[in-house]
Amino acid sequence: MNTGIYESLITLQLKEKIAQLDPQRYYVADGKYLDAGEAVHYLSQHLAKAIQTAFNLIAEKDKNLQVQKQIEVANKLLTYLMQQIESYHVQEDLIATEGKILQGVVDKLNTDYTDISTYLKEITPLSRLTQSELFTGGNVGLSLDGELKKEIRSSDKIDLLVSFIKWKAIVILRDALQEFTQKGGHLRVITTTYMGATDARALEELIKLKNTTVKVSYNNANERLHAKAYLFYRKTGFHTGYIGSSNFSRSALTDGLEWNVKITTAEIPHIIDKFQKTFESYWNNDEFEAFNEGKLKN
């Protein structure tokens, strides 16, 4: 075993490895026991990793039947859980044998699009709704501005938290934001006047949008807000967020070497939840005032 710090659930195999260590030479910190709250996290994480390993073995063994076999095994595991836990209703989680993914539901009577399949492709982020991603800028691989347009157009509510907002960034995203707000989406923006970087024209354009509120910190004495983060809510529950180095400027959204991490409710819901609660605390803080046209101070 390598020396260093760990945070590993002790399996039977790991227990054997620990037992082989010379107690005269090695100190083993294994006195921590799972409590009820931690058990959910550690055990479910351990099972997820074990299931992934097993499913990879199925895929390697039988290429033709790998999906069907994985679904069969998954349903057997879910059925076993129901047998062990009376309050668990397995019917909600049993997987249909066809192995399909639901990609969207659109009300055909309340849409302006005739080709709905193409429309869904246009508004669905390439980086997916269930997997985290790292954007490293310079339009290498995924384009941040392209993905943000898709995130905006597929959302029901958006919260933006940025140190400053430039006019050219609004130009890039204006069409997507207009479409989003015109269909009933709500937009909330928190920003600052730090170093005079925020363009008054940009904020004036934002508050012209329907269902949009902008709040600004006019405190120039010190840098109170340096965060750059965007949160996209969806009624389907597939919320996504971006946290990183990109303010709302053209270079930050296009060819700048900015780093941003995309997070998802499906993968790390506790981060999305903390994002939401922190944004609400800022929104209700007197430090941030509702912006009105002509009010920006420098």
C-alpha atoms as a PDB file:
ATOM      1  CA  MET A   1       0.000   0.000   0.000  1.00  0.00           C
ATOM      2  CA  ASN A   2       1.052   3.555  -0.670  1.00  0.00           C
ATOM      3  CA  THR A   3       1.536   5.846   2.319  1.00  0.00           C
ATOM      4  CA  GLY A   4      -0.553   9.009   2.460  1.00  0.00           C
ATOM      5  CA  ILE A   5      -4.078  10.089   3.311  1.00  0.00           C
ATOM      6  CA  TYR A   6      -7.130   8.057   2.311  1.00  0.00           C
ATOM      7  CA  GLU A   7     -10.904   8.255   2.491  1.00  0.00           C
ATOM      8  CA  SER A   8     -11.682   4.666   1.569  1.00  0.00           C
ATOM      9  CA  LEU A   9     -14.490   2.431   2.735  1.00  0.00           C
ATOM     10  CA  ILE A  10     -12.684  -0.615   4.114  1.00  0.00           C
ATOM     11  CA  THR A  11     -13.544  -3.642   1.991  1.00  0.00           C
ATOM     12  CA  LEU A  12     -12.613  -7.204   2.969  1.00  0.00           C
ATOM     13  CA  GLN A  13      -9.678  -7.102   0.547  1.00  0.00           C
ATOM     14  CA  LEU A  14      -8.460  -3.768   1.893  1.00  0.00           C
ATOM     15  CA  LYS A  15      -8.787  -5.107   5.440  1.00  0.00           C
ATOM     16  CA  GLU A  16      -6.451  -7.971   4.524  1.00  0.00           C
ATOM     17  CA  LYS A  17      -3.895  -5.542   3.054  1.00  0.00           C
ATOM     18  CA  ILE A  18      -3.985  -3.430   6.214  1.00  0.00           C
ATOM     19  CA  ALA A  19      -3.472  -6.518   8.355  1.00  0.00           C
ATOM     20  CA  GLN A  20      -0.270  -7.306   6.446  1.00  0.00           C
ATOM     21  CA  LEU A  21       1.326  -3.960   7.352  1.00  0.00           C
ATOM     22  CA  ASP A  22       3.972  -3.984  10.067  1.00  0.00           C
ATOM     23  CA  PRO A  23       2.421  -2.126  13.047  1.00  0.00           C
ATOM     24  CA  GLN A  24       5.913  -1.280  14.286  1.00  0.00           C
ATOM     25  CA  ARG A  25       6.549   0.686  11.099  1.00  0.00           C
ATOM     26  CA  TYR A  26       3.142   1.909   9.918  1.00  0.00           C
ATOM     27  CA  TYR A  27       0.448   3.872  11.706  1.00  0.00           C
ATOM     28  CA  VAL A  28      -2.964   2.998  10.240  1.00  0.00           C
ATOM     29  CA  ALA A  29      -5.782   5.475  10.867  1.00  0.00           C
ATOM     30  CA  ASP A  30      -8.775   3.131  10.651  1.00  0.00           C
ATOM     31  CA  GLY A  31     -10.659   4.023  13.820  1.00  0.00           C
ATOM     32  CA  LYS A  32     -13.423   6.069  12.184  1.00  0.00           C
ATOM     33  CA  TYR A  33     -16.846   4.377  11.984  1.00  0.00           C
ATOM     34  CA  LEU A  34     -19.661   5.240   9.591  1.00  0.00           C
ATOM     35  CA  ASP A  35     -22.517   7.189  11.124  1.00  0.00           C
ATOM     36  CA  ALA A  36     -26.053   7.066   9.742  1.00  0.00           C
ATOM     37  CA  GLY A  37     -25.645  10.171   7.612  1.00  0.00           C
ATOM     38  CA  GLU A  38     -22.266   9.183   6.168  1.00  0.00           C
ATOM     39  CA  ALA A  39     -23.364   5.637   5.400  1.00  0.00           C
ATOM     40  CA  VAL A  40     -25.721   6.793   2.651  1.00  0.00           C
ATOM     41  CA  HIS A  41     -22.916   8.678   0.902  1.00  0.00           C
ATOM     42  CA  TYR A  42     -20.121   6.128   1.277  1.00  0.00           C
ATOM     43  CA  LEU A  43     -22.150   2.989   0.583  1.00  0.00           C
ATOM     44  CA  SER A  44     -24.041   4.356  -2.420  1.00  0.00           C
ATOM     45  CA  GLN A  45     -20.786   5.739  -3.865  1.00  0.00           C
ATOM     46  CA  HIS A  46     -19.090   2.373  -3.341  1.00  0.00           C
ATOM     47  CA  LEU A  47     -21.957   0.471  -4.953  1.00  0.00           C
ATOM     48  CA  ALA A  48     -22.039   2.833  -7.932  1.00  0.00           C
ATOM     49  CA  LYS A  49     -18.352   2.228  -8.577  1.00  0.00           C
ATOM     50  CA  ALA A  50     -18.728  -1.541  -8.165  1.00  0.00           C
ATOM     51  CA  ILE A  51     -21.709  -1.649 -10.536  1.00  0.00           C
ATOM     52  CA  GLN A  52     -19.821   0.399 -13.111  1.00  0.00           C
ATOM     53  CA  THR A  53     -16.903  -2.044 -12.946  1.00  0.00           C
ATOM     54  CA  ALA A  54     -19.251  -5.009 -13.368  1.00  0.00           C
ATOM     55  CA  PHE A  55     -21.102  -3.435 -16.289  1.00  0.00           C
ATOM     56  CA  ASN A  56     -17.804  -2.712 -18.038  1.00  0.00           C
ATOM     57  CA  LEU A  57     -17.001  -6.430 -17.780  1.00  0.00           C
ATOM     58  CA  ILE A  58     -20.376  -7.263 -19.339  1.00  0.00           C
ATOM     59  CA  ALA A  59     -19.634  -4.890 -22.201  1.00  0.00           C
ATOM     60  CA  GLU A  60     -16.264  -6.533 -22.835  1.00  0.00           C
ATOM     61  CA  LYS A  61     -17.678 -10.060 -22.779  1.00  0.00           C
ATOM     62  CA  ASP A  62     -20.694  -9.778 -25.097  1.00  0.00           C
ATOM     63  CA  LYS A  63     -20.761  -6.854 -27.523  1.00  0.00           C
ATOM     64  CA  ASN A  64     -24.087  -7.861 -29.091  1.00  0.00           C
ATOM     65  CA  LEU A  65     -26.114  -8.223 -25.895  1.00  0.00           C
ATOM     66  CA  GLN A  66     -24.253  -5.875 -23.579  1.00  0.00           C
ATOM     67  CA  VAL A  67     -27.050  -3.299 -23.155  1.00  0.00           C
ATOM     68  CA  GLN A  68     -29.795  -5.882 -22.639  1.00  0.00           C
ATOM     69  CA  LYS A  69     -27.650  -7.804 -20.152  1.00  0.00           C
ATOM     70  CA  GLN A  70     -26.817  -4.654 -18.200  1.00  0.00           C
ATOM     71  CA  ILE A  71     -30.512  -3.715 -18.005  1.00  0.00           C
ATOM     72  CA  GLU A  72     -31.387  -7.232 -16.861  1.00  0.00           C
ATOM     73  CA  VAL A  73     -28.776  -7.135 -14.090  1.00  0.00           C
ATOM     74  CA  ALA A  74     -29.813  -3.610 -13.064  1.00  0.00           C
ATOM     75  CA  ASN A  75     -33.465  -4.628 -12.735  1.00  0.00           C
ATOM     76  CA  LYS A  76     -32.515  -7.685 -10.676  1.00  0.00           C
ATOM     77  CA  LEU A  77     -30.521  -5.471  -8.308  1.00  0.00           C
ATOM     78  CA  LEU A  78     -33.440  -3.052  -8.005  1.00  0.00           C
ATOM     79  CA  THR A  79     -35.853  -5.916  -7.316  1.00  0.00           C
ATOM     80  CA  TYR A  80     -33.528  -7.202  -4.604  1.00  0.00           C
ATOM     81  CA  LEU A  81     -33.516  -3.767  -2.973  1.00  0.00           C
ATOM     82  CA  MET A  82     -37.317  -3.828  -2.915  1.00  0.00           C
ATOM     83  CA  GLN A  83     -37.241  -7.220  -1.221  1.00  0.00           C
ATOM     84  CA  GLN A  84     -34.901  -5.886   1.453  1.00  0.00           C
ATOM     85  CA  ILE A  85     -36.548  -2.494   1.967  1.00  0.00           C
ATOM     86  CA  GLU A  86     -40.349  -2.563   2.200  1.00  0.00           C
ATOM     87  CA  SER A  87     -40.804   1.175   1.695  1.00  0.00           C
ATOM     88  CA  TYR A  88     -38.788   1.180  -1.529  1.00  0.00           C
ATOM     89  CA  HIS A  89     -41.076   1.149  -4.581  1.00  0.00           C
ATOM     90  CA  VAL A  90     -38.985  -0.464  -7.284  1.00  0.00           C
ATOM     91  CA  GLN A  91     -41.586   0.143 -10.001  1.00  0.00           C
ATOM     92  CA  GLU A  92     -40.434   3.767 -10.218  1.00  0.00           C
ATOM     93  CA  ASP A  93     -36.883   2.711 -11.107  1.00  0.00           C
ATOM     94  CA  LEU A  94     -37.208  -0.485 -13.144  1.00  0.00           C
ATOM     95  CA  ILE A  95     -35.711   0.066 -16.599  1.00  0.00           C
ATOM     96  CA  ALA A  96     -37.640  -0.620 -19.810  1.00  0.00           C
ATOM     97  CA  THR A  97     -35.936  -3.378 -21.778  1.00  0.00           C
ATOM     98  CA  GLU A  98     -35.618  -1.249 -24.930  1.00  0.00           C
ATOM     99  CA  GLY A  99     -32.895   0.803 -23.251  1.00  0.00           C
ATOM    100  CA  LYS A 100     -34.037   4.217 -24.515  1.00  0.00           C
ATOM    101  CA  ILE A 101     -33.232   7.712 -23.198  1.00  0.00           C
ATOM    102  CA  LEU A 102     -35.982  10.349 -22.907  1.00  0.00           C
ATOM    103  CA  GLN A 103     -34.580  13.524 -24.470  1.00  0.00           C
ATOM    104  CA  GLY A 104     -37.529  15.890 -24.166  1.00  0.00           C
ATOM    105  CA  VAL A 105     -41.276  16.468 -24.034  1.00  0.00           C
ATOM    106  CA  VAL A 106     -42.748  19.382 -26.011  1.00  0.00           C
ATOM    107  CA  ASP A 107     -46.352  20.628 -26.086  1.00  0.00           C
ATOM    108  CA  LYS A 108     -47.077  20.629 -29.823  1.00  0.00           C
ATOM    109  CA  LEU A 109     -50.044  22.981 -29.360  1.00  0.00           C
ATOM    110  CA  ASN A 110     -47.883  25.638 -27.700  1.00  0.00           C
ATOM    111  CA  THR A 111     -44.787  25.772 -29.871  1.00  0.00           C
ATOM    112  CA  ASP A 112     -43.831  27.772 -32.938  1.00  0.00           C
ATOM    113  CA  TYR A 113     -41.580  25.011 -34.246  1.00  0.00           C
ATOM    114  CA  THR A 114     -42.756  22.544 -36.880  1.00  0.00           C
ATOM    115  CA  ASP A 115     -39.637  20.383 -36.757  1.00  0.00           C
ATOM    116  CA  ILE A 116     -39.590  19.661 -33.024  1.00  0.00           C
ATOM    117  CA  SER A 117     -36.894  16.988 -33.251  1.00  0.00           C
ATOM    118  CA  THR A 118     -34.452  19.465 -34.793  1.00  0.00           C
ATOM    119  CA  TYR A 119     -35.499  22.121 -32.259  1.00  0.00           C
ATOM    120  CA  LEU A 120     -34.659  19.793 -29.355  1.00  0.00           C
ATOM    121  CA  LYS A 121     -31.208  19.164 -30.805  1.00  0.00           C
ATOM    122  CA  GLU A 122     -30.656  22.912 -31.101  1.00  0.00           C
ATOM    123  CA  ILE A 123     -31.452  23.605 -27.428  1.00  0.00           C
ATOM    124  CA  THR A 124     -29.871  20.529 -25.828  1.00  0.00           C
ATOM    125  CA  PRO A 125     -26.302  21.177 -24.574  1.00  0.00           C
ATOM    126  CA  LEU A 126     -23.669  19.026 -26.267  1.00  0.00           C
ATOM    127  CA  SER A 127     -22.058  18.536 -22.860  1.00  0.00           C
ATOM    128  CA  ARG A 128     -25.247  16.783 -21.677  1.00  0.00           C
ATOM    129  CA  LEU A 129     -27.498  17.397 -18.685  1.00  0.00           C
ATOM    130  CA  THR A 130     -26.200  14.610 -16.460  1.00  0.00           C
ATOM    131  CA  GLN A 131     -22.417  14.871 -16.661  1.00  0.00           C
ATOM    132  CA  SER A 132     -19.940  17.466 -15.441  1.00  0.00           C
ATOM    133  CA  GLU A 133     -17.513  19.046 -17.889  1.00  0.00           C
ATOM    134  CA  LEU A 134     -14.469  21.316 -17.903  1.00  0.00           C
ATOM    135  CA  PHE A 135     -14.283  24.184 -20.397  1.00  0.00           C
ATOM    136  CA  THR A 136     -10.712  25.414 -20.887  1.00  0.00           C
ATOM    137  CA  GLY A 137     -11.349  28.312 -23.265  1.00  0.00           C
ATOM    138  CA  GLY A 138     -10.113  29.187 -26.698  1.00  0.00           C
ATOM    139  CA  ASN A 139     -12.980  27.244 -28.314  1.00  0.00           C
ATOM    140  CA  VAL A 140     -10.933  24.054 -28.018  1.00  0.00           C
ATOM    141  CA  GLY A 141     -13.481  21.258 -28.138  1.00  0.00           C
ATOM    142  CA  LEU A 142     -16.723  22.617 -26.707  1.00  0.00           C
ATOM    143  CA  SER A 143     -17.532  26.296 -27.189  1.00  0.00           C
ATOM    144  CA  LEU A 144     -18.632  28.030 -23.965  1.00  0.00           C
ATOM    145  CA  ASP A 145     -20.760  30.639 -25.738  1.00  0.00           C
ATOM    146  CA  GLY A 146     -22.396  27.958 -27.899  1.00  0.00           C
ATOM    147  CA  GLU A 147     -23.217  25.838 -24.875  1.00  0.00           C
ATOM    148  CA  LEU A 148     -24.552  28.811 -22.900  1.00  0.00           C
ATOM    149  CA  LYS A 149     -26.963  29.636 -25.736  1.00  0.00           C
ATOM    150  CA  LYS A 150     -28.331  26.084 -25.544  1.00  0.00           C
ATOM    151  CA  GLU A 151     -28.480  26.178 -21.739  1.00  0.00           C
ATOM    152  CA  ILE A 152     -30.395  29.473 -21.859  1.00  0.00           C
ATOM    153  CA  ARG A 153     -32.900  28.331 -24.478  1.00  0.00           C
ATOM    154  CA  SER A 154     -33.672  25.088 -22.613  1.00  0.00           C
ATOM    155  CA  SER A 155     -34.100  26.658 -19.148  1.00  0.00           C
ATOM    156  CA  ASP A 156     -37.129  27.830 -17.168  1.00  0.00           C
ATOM    157  CA  LYS A 157     -35.217  30.065 -14.764  1.00  0.00           C
ATOM    158  CA  ILE A 158     -31.673  31.464 -14.766  1.00  0.00           C
ATOM    159  CA  ASP A 159     -29.517  33.020 -12.039  1.00  0.00           C
ATOM    160  CA  LEU A 160     -26.316  34.819 -13.083  1.00  0.00           C
ATOM    161  CA  LEU A 161     -23.631  35.930 -10.647  1.00  0.00           C
ATOM    162  CA  VAL A 162     -20.725  37.837 -12.214  1.00  0.00           C
ATOM    163  CA  SER A 163     -18.315  40.588 -11.175  1.00  0.00           C
ATOM    164  CA  PHE A 164     -18.890  42.592 -14.342  1.00  0.00           C
ATOM    165  CA  ILE A 165     -20.921  42.532 -17.561  1.00  0.00           C
ATOM    166  CA  LYS A 166     -19.760  43.920 -20.905  1.00  0.00           C
ATOM    167  CA  TRP A 167     -21.944  45.039 -23.798  1.00  0.00           C
ATOM    168  CA  LYS A 168     -20.322  42.681 -26.327  1.00  0.00           C
ATOM    169  CA  ALA A 169     -21.240  39.671 -24.184  1.00  0.00           C
ATOM    170  CA  ILE A 170     -24.878  40.741 -24.198  1.00  0.00           C
ATOM    171  CA  VAL A 171     -24.745  40.997 -27.994  1.00  0.00           C
ATOM    172  CA  ILE A 172     -23.530  37.389 -28.187  1.00  0.00           C
ATOM    173  CA  LEU A 173     -26.300  36.011 -25.942  1.00  0.00           C
ATOM    174  CA  ARG A 174     -29.086  38.541 -26.611  1.00  0.00           C
ATOM    175  CA  ASP A 175     -31.139  36.409 -29.017  1.00  0.00           C
ATOM    176  CA  ALA A 176     -31.079  33.419 -26.672  1.00  0.00           C
ATOM    177  CA  LEU A 177     -31.992  35.578 -23.664  1.00  0.00           C
ATOM    178  CA  GLN A 178     -34.837  37.233 -25.567  1.00  0.00           C
ATOM    179  CA  GLU A 179     -36.260  33.870 -26.614  1.00  0.00           C
ATOM    180  CA  PHE A 180     -35.910  32.565 -23.051  1.00  0.00           C
ATOM    181  CA  THR A 181     -37.683  35.505 -21.392  1.00  0.00           C
ATOM    182  CA  GLN A 182     -40.378  35.861 -24.063  1.00  0.00           C
ATOM    183  CA  LYS A 183     -41.490  32.283 -23.486  1.00  0.00           C
ATOM    184  CA  GLY A 184     -41.889  32.989 -19.758  1.00  0.00           C
ATOM    185  CA  GLY A 185     -38.430  32.308 -18.378  1.00  0.00           C
ATOM    186  CA  HIS A 186     -37.262  34.341 -15.363  1.00  0.00           C
ATOM    187  CA  LEU A 187     -33.779  35.871 -15.302  1.00  0.00           C
ATOM    188  CA  ARG A 188     -32.014  37.224 -12.213  1.00  0.00           C
ATOM    189  CA  VAL A 189     -28.597  38.872 -12.434  1.00  0.00           C
ATOM    190  CA  ILE A 190     -26.201  39.986  -9.694  1.00  0.00           C
ATOM    191  CA  THR A 191     -23.161  42.066 -10.623  1.00  0.00           C
ATOM    192  CA  THR A 192     -20.973  44.953  -9.411  1.00  0.00           C
ATOM    193  CA  THR A 193     -19.440  48.245 -10.507  1.00  0.00           C
ATOM    194  CA  TYR A 194     -15.999  47.187  -9.277  1.00  0.00           C
ATOM    195  CA  MET A 195     -13.234  49.037 -11.186  1.00  0.00           C
ATOM    196  CA  GLY A 196     -15.917  50.504 -13.459  1.00  0.00           C
ATOM    197  CA  ALA A 197     -15.778  47.382 -15.634  1.00  0.00           C
ATOM    198  CA  THR A 198     -19.526  46.867 -16.008  1.00  0.00           C
ATOM    199  CA  ASP A 199     -21.089  48.622 -19.019  1.00  0.00           C
ATOM    200  CA  ALA A 200     -24.225  50.619 -18.206  1.00  0.00           C
ATOM    201  CA  ARG A 201     -25.473  49.861 -21.726  1.00  0.00           C
ATOM    202  CA  ALA A 202     -25.270  46.132 -21.013  1.00  0.00           C
ATOM    203  CA  LEU A 203     -27.424  46.379 -17.896  1.00  0.00           C
ATOM    204  CA  GLU A 204     -29.885  48.696 -19.601  1.00  0.00           C
ATOM    205  CA  GLU A 205     -30.285  46.114 -22.352  1.00  0.00           C
ATOM    206  CA  LEU A 206     -30.847  43.343 -19.816  1.00  0.00           C
ATOM    207  CA  ILE A 207     -33.635  45.126 -17.919  1.00  0.00           C
ATOM    208  CA  LYS A 208     -35.493  45.636 -21.196  1.00  0.00           C
ATOM    209  CA  LEU A 209     -36.041  41.875 -21.276  1.00  0.00           C
ATOM    210  CA  LYS A 210     -39.274  40.477 -19.861  1.00  0.00           C
ATOM    211  CA  ASN A 211     -39.206  38.769 -16.455  1.00  0.00           C
ATOM    212  CA  THR A 212     -35.716  40.109 -15.739  1.00  0.00           C
ATOM    213  CA  THR A 213     -34.303  41.722 -12.604  1.00  0.00           C
ATOM    214  CA  VAL A 214     -30.737  43.000 -12.215  1.00  0.00           C
ATOM    215  CA  LYS A 215     -29.147  43.822  -8.872  1.00  0.00           C
ATOM    216  CA  VAL A 216     -25.864  45.709  -8.521  1.00  0.00           C
ATOM    217  CA  SER A 217     -23.351  46.321  -5.751  1.00  0.00           C
ATOM    218  CA  TYR A 218     -22.161  49.925  -6.004  1.00  0.00           C
ATOM    219  CA  ASN A 219     -19.531  49.429  -3.316  1.00  0.00           C
ATOM    220  CA  ASN A 220     -16.227  50.434  -4.933  1.00  0.00           C
ATOM    221  CA  ALA A 221     -14.296  50.585  -1.696  1.00  0.00           C
ATOM    222  CA  ASN A 222     -13.297  46.935  -1.927  1.00  0.00           C
ATOM    223  CA  GLU A 223     -13.878  43.918  -4.102  1.00  0.00           C
ATOM    224  CA  ARG A 224     -16.856  42.307  -2.424  1.00  0.00           C
ATOM    225  CA  LEU A 225     -17.867  39.969  -5.255  1.00  0.00           C
ATOM    226  CA  HIS A 226     -15.436  38.158  -7.509  1.00  0.00           C
ATOM    227  CA  ALA A 227     -17.583  35.135  -8.374  1.00  0.00           C
ATOM    228  CA  LYS A 228     -18.417  34.043 -11.918  1.00  0.00           C
ATOM    229  CA  ALA A 229     -21.227  31.553 -11.903  1.00  0.00           C
ATOM    230  CA  TYR A 230     -24.385  30.728 -13.851  1.00  0.00           C
ATOM    231  CA  LEU A 231     -27.250  28.467 -12.776  1.00  0.00           C
ATOM    232  CA  PHE A 232     -29.868  27.091 -15.170  1.00  0.00           C
ATOM    233  CA  TYR A 233     -33.061  25.664 -13.659  1.00  0.00           C
ATOM    234  CA  ARG A 234     -35.394  23.290 -15.491  1.00  0.00           C
ATOM    235  CA  LYS A 235     -38.840  22.058 -14.464  1.00  0.00           C
ATOM    236  CA  THR A 236     -37.672  18.579 -15.453  1.00  0.00           C
ATOM    237  CA  GLY A 237     -35.191  18.688 -12.557  1.00  0.00           C
ATOM    238  CA  PHE A 238     -32.101  18.604 -14.789  1.00  0.00           C
ATOM    239  CA  HIS A 239     -30.476  21.770 -13.424  1.00  0.00           C
ATOM    240  CA  THR A 240     -26.997  22.742 -14.598  1.00  0.00           C
ATOM    241  CA  GLY A 241     -24.476  25.317 -13.447  1.00  0.00           C
ATOM    242  CA  TYR A 242     -21.178  26.847 -14.545  1.00  0.00           C
ATOM    243  CA  ILE A 243     -18.553  28.021 -12.063  1.00  0.00           C
ATOM    244  CA  GLY A 244     -15.206  29.406 -13.121  1.00  0.00           C
ATOM    245  CA  SER A 245     -13.295  32.419 -14.357  1.00  0.00           C
ATOM    246  CA  SER A 246     -15.590  33.832 -17.050  1.00  0.00           C
ATOM    247  CA  ASN A 247     -17.271  37.149 -16.454  1.00  0.00           C
ATOM    248  CA  PHE A 248     -19.732  38.380 -19.066  1.00  0.00           C
ATOM    249  CA  SER A 249     -17.348  39.682 -21.729  1.00  0.00           C
ATOM    250  CA  ARG A 250     -16.798  38.691 -25.357  1.00  0.00           C
ATOM    251  CA  SER A 251     -13.337  37.228 -24.822  1.00  0.00           C
ATOM    252  CA  ALA A 252     -14.380  35.345 -21.672  1.00  0.00           C
ATOM    253  CA  LEU A 253     -17.240  33.657 -23.527  1.00  0.00           C
ATOM    254  CA  THR A 254     -15.429  32.986 -26.818  1.00  0.00           C
ATOM    255  CA  ASP A 255     -11.665  32.811 -27.381  1.00  0.00           C
ATOM    256  CA  GLY A 256     -10.289  33.741 -23.957  1.00  0.00           C
ATOM    257  CA  LEU A 257      -8.326  31.122 -22.016  1.00  0.00           C
ATOM    258  CA  GLU A 258     -10.935  30.928 -19.255  1.00  0.00           C
ATOM    259  CA  TRP A 259     -11.558  27.801 -17.201  1.00  0.00           C
ATOM    260  CA  ASN A 260     -15.116  26.896 -16.202  1.00  0.00           C
ATOM    261  CA  VAL A 261     -16.552  23.744 -14.673  1.00  0.00           C
ATOM    262  CA  LYS A 262     -20.051  22.637 -15.607  1.00  0.00           C
ATOM    263  CA  ILE A 263     -21.926  20.934 -12.767  1.00  0.00           C
ATOM    264  CA  THR A 264     -25.202  18.992 -12.867  1.00  0.00           C
ATOM    265  CA  THR A 265     -27.938  18.092 -10.404  1.00  0.00           C
ATOM    266  CA  ALA A 266     -27.827  14.522 -11.687  1.00  0.00           C
ATOM    267  CA  GLU A 267     -24.178  14.139 -10.689  1.00  0.00           C
ATOM    268  CA  ILE A 268     -23.412  16.533  -7.793  1.00  0.00           C
ATOM    269  CA  PRO A 269     -26.730  17.892  -6.461  1.00  0.00           C
ATOM    270  CA  HIS A 270     -25.198  19.195  -3.217  1.00  0.00           C
ATOM    271  CA  ILE A 271     -23.113  21.729  -5.169  1.00  0.00           C
ATOM    272  CA  ILE A 272     -26.165  22.948  -7.107  1.00  0.00           C
ATOM    273  CA  ASP A 273     -28.071  23.212  -3.815  1.00  0.00           C
ATOM    274  CA  LYS A 274     -25.301  25.273  -2.178  1.00  0.00           C
ATOM    275  CA  PHE A 275     -25.124  27.482  -5.294  1.00  0.00           C
ATOM    276  CA  GLN A 276     -28.859  28.147  -5.046  1.00  0.00           C
ATOM    277  CA  LYS A 277     -28.817  28.946  -1.322  1.00  0.00           C
ATOM    278  CA  THR A 278     -25.807  31.230  -1.619  1.00  0.00           C
ATOM    279  CA  PHE A 279     -27.312  33.116  -4.543  1.00  0.00           C
ATOM    280  CA  GLU A 280     -30.524  33.651  -2.555  1.00  0.00           C
ATOM    281  CA  SER A 281     -28.538  35.049   0.372  1.00  0.00           C
ATOM    282  CA  TYR A 282     -26.838  37.538  -1.958  1.00  0.00           C
ATOM    283  CA  TRP A 283     -30.123  38.406  -3.652  1.00  0.00           C
ATOM    284  CA  ASN A 284     -31.693  39.314  -0.316  1.00  0.00           C
ATOM    285  CA  ASN A 285     -28.641  41.251   0.896  1.00  0.00           C
ATOM    286  CA  ASP A 286     -28.996  45.049   1.036  1.00  0.00           C
ATOM    287  CA  GLU A 287     -25.525  45.278  -0.524  1.00  0.00           C
ATOM    288  CA  PHE A 288     -27.146  44.573  -3.912  1.00  0.00           C
ATOM    289  CA  GLU A 289     -29.647  47.152  -5.214  1.00  0.00           C
ATOM    290  CA  ALA A 290     -32.155  46.758  -8.021  1.00  0.00           C
ATOM    291  CA  PHE A 291     -30.773  48.403 -11.146  1.00  0.00           C
ATOM    292  CA  ASN A 292     -32.738  51.086 -12.947  1.00  0.00           C
ATOM    293  CA  GLU A 293     -31.778  52.791 -16.206  1.00  0.00           C
ATOM    294  CA  GLY A 294     -29.334  55.624 -15.663  1.00  0.00           C
ATOM    295  CA  LYS A 295     -28.456  54.527 -12.146  1.00  0.00           C
ATOM    296  CA  LEU A 296     -25.055  52.940 -12.798  1.00  0.00           C
ATOM    297  CA  LYS A 297     -22.353  54.710 -10.833  1.00  0.00           C
ATOM    298  CA  ASN A 298     -18.672  54.744 -11.653  1.00  0.00           C
END
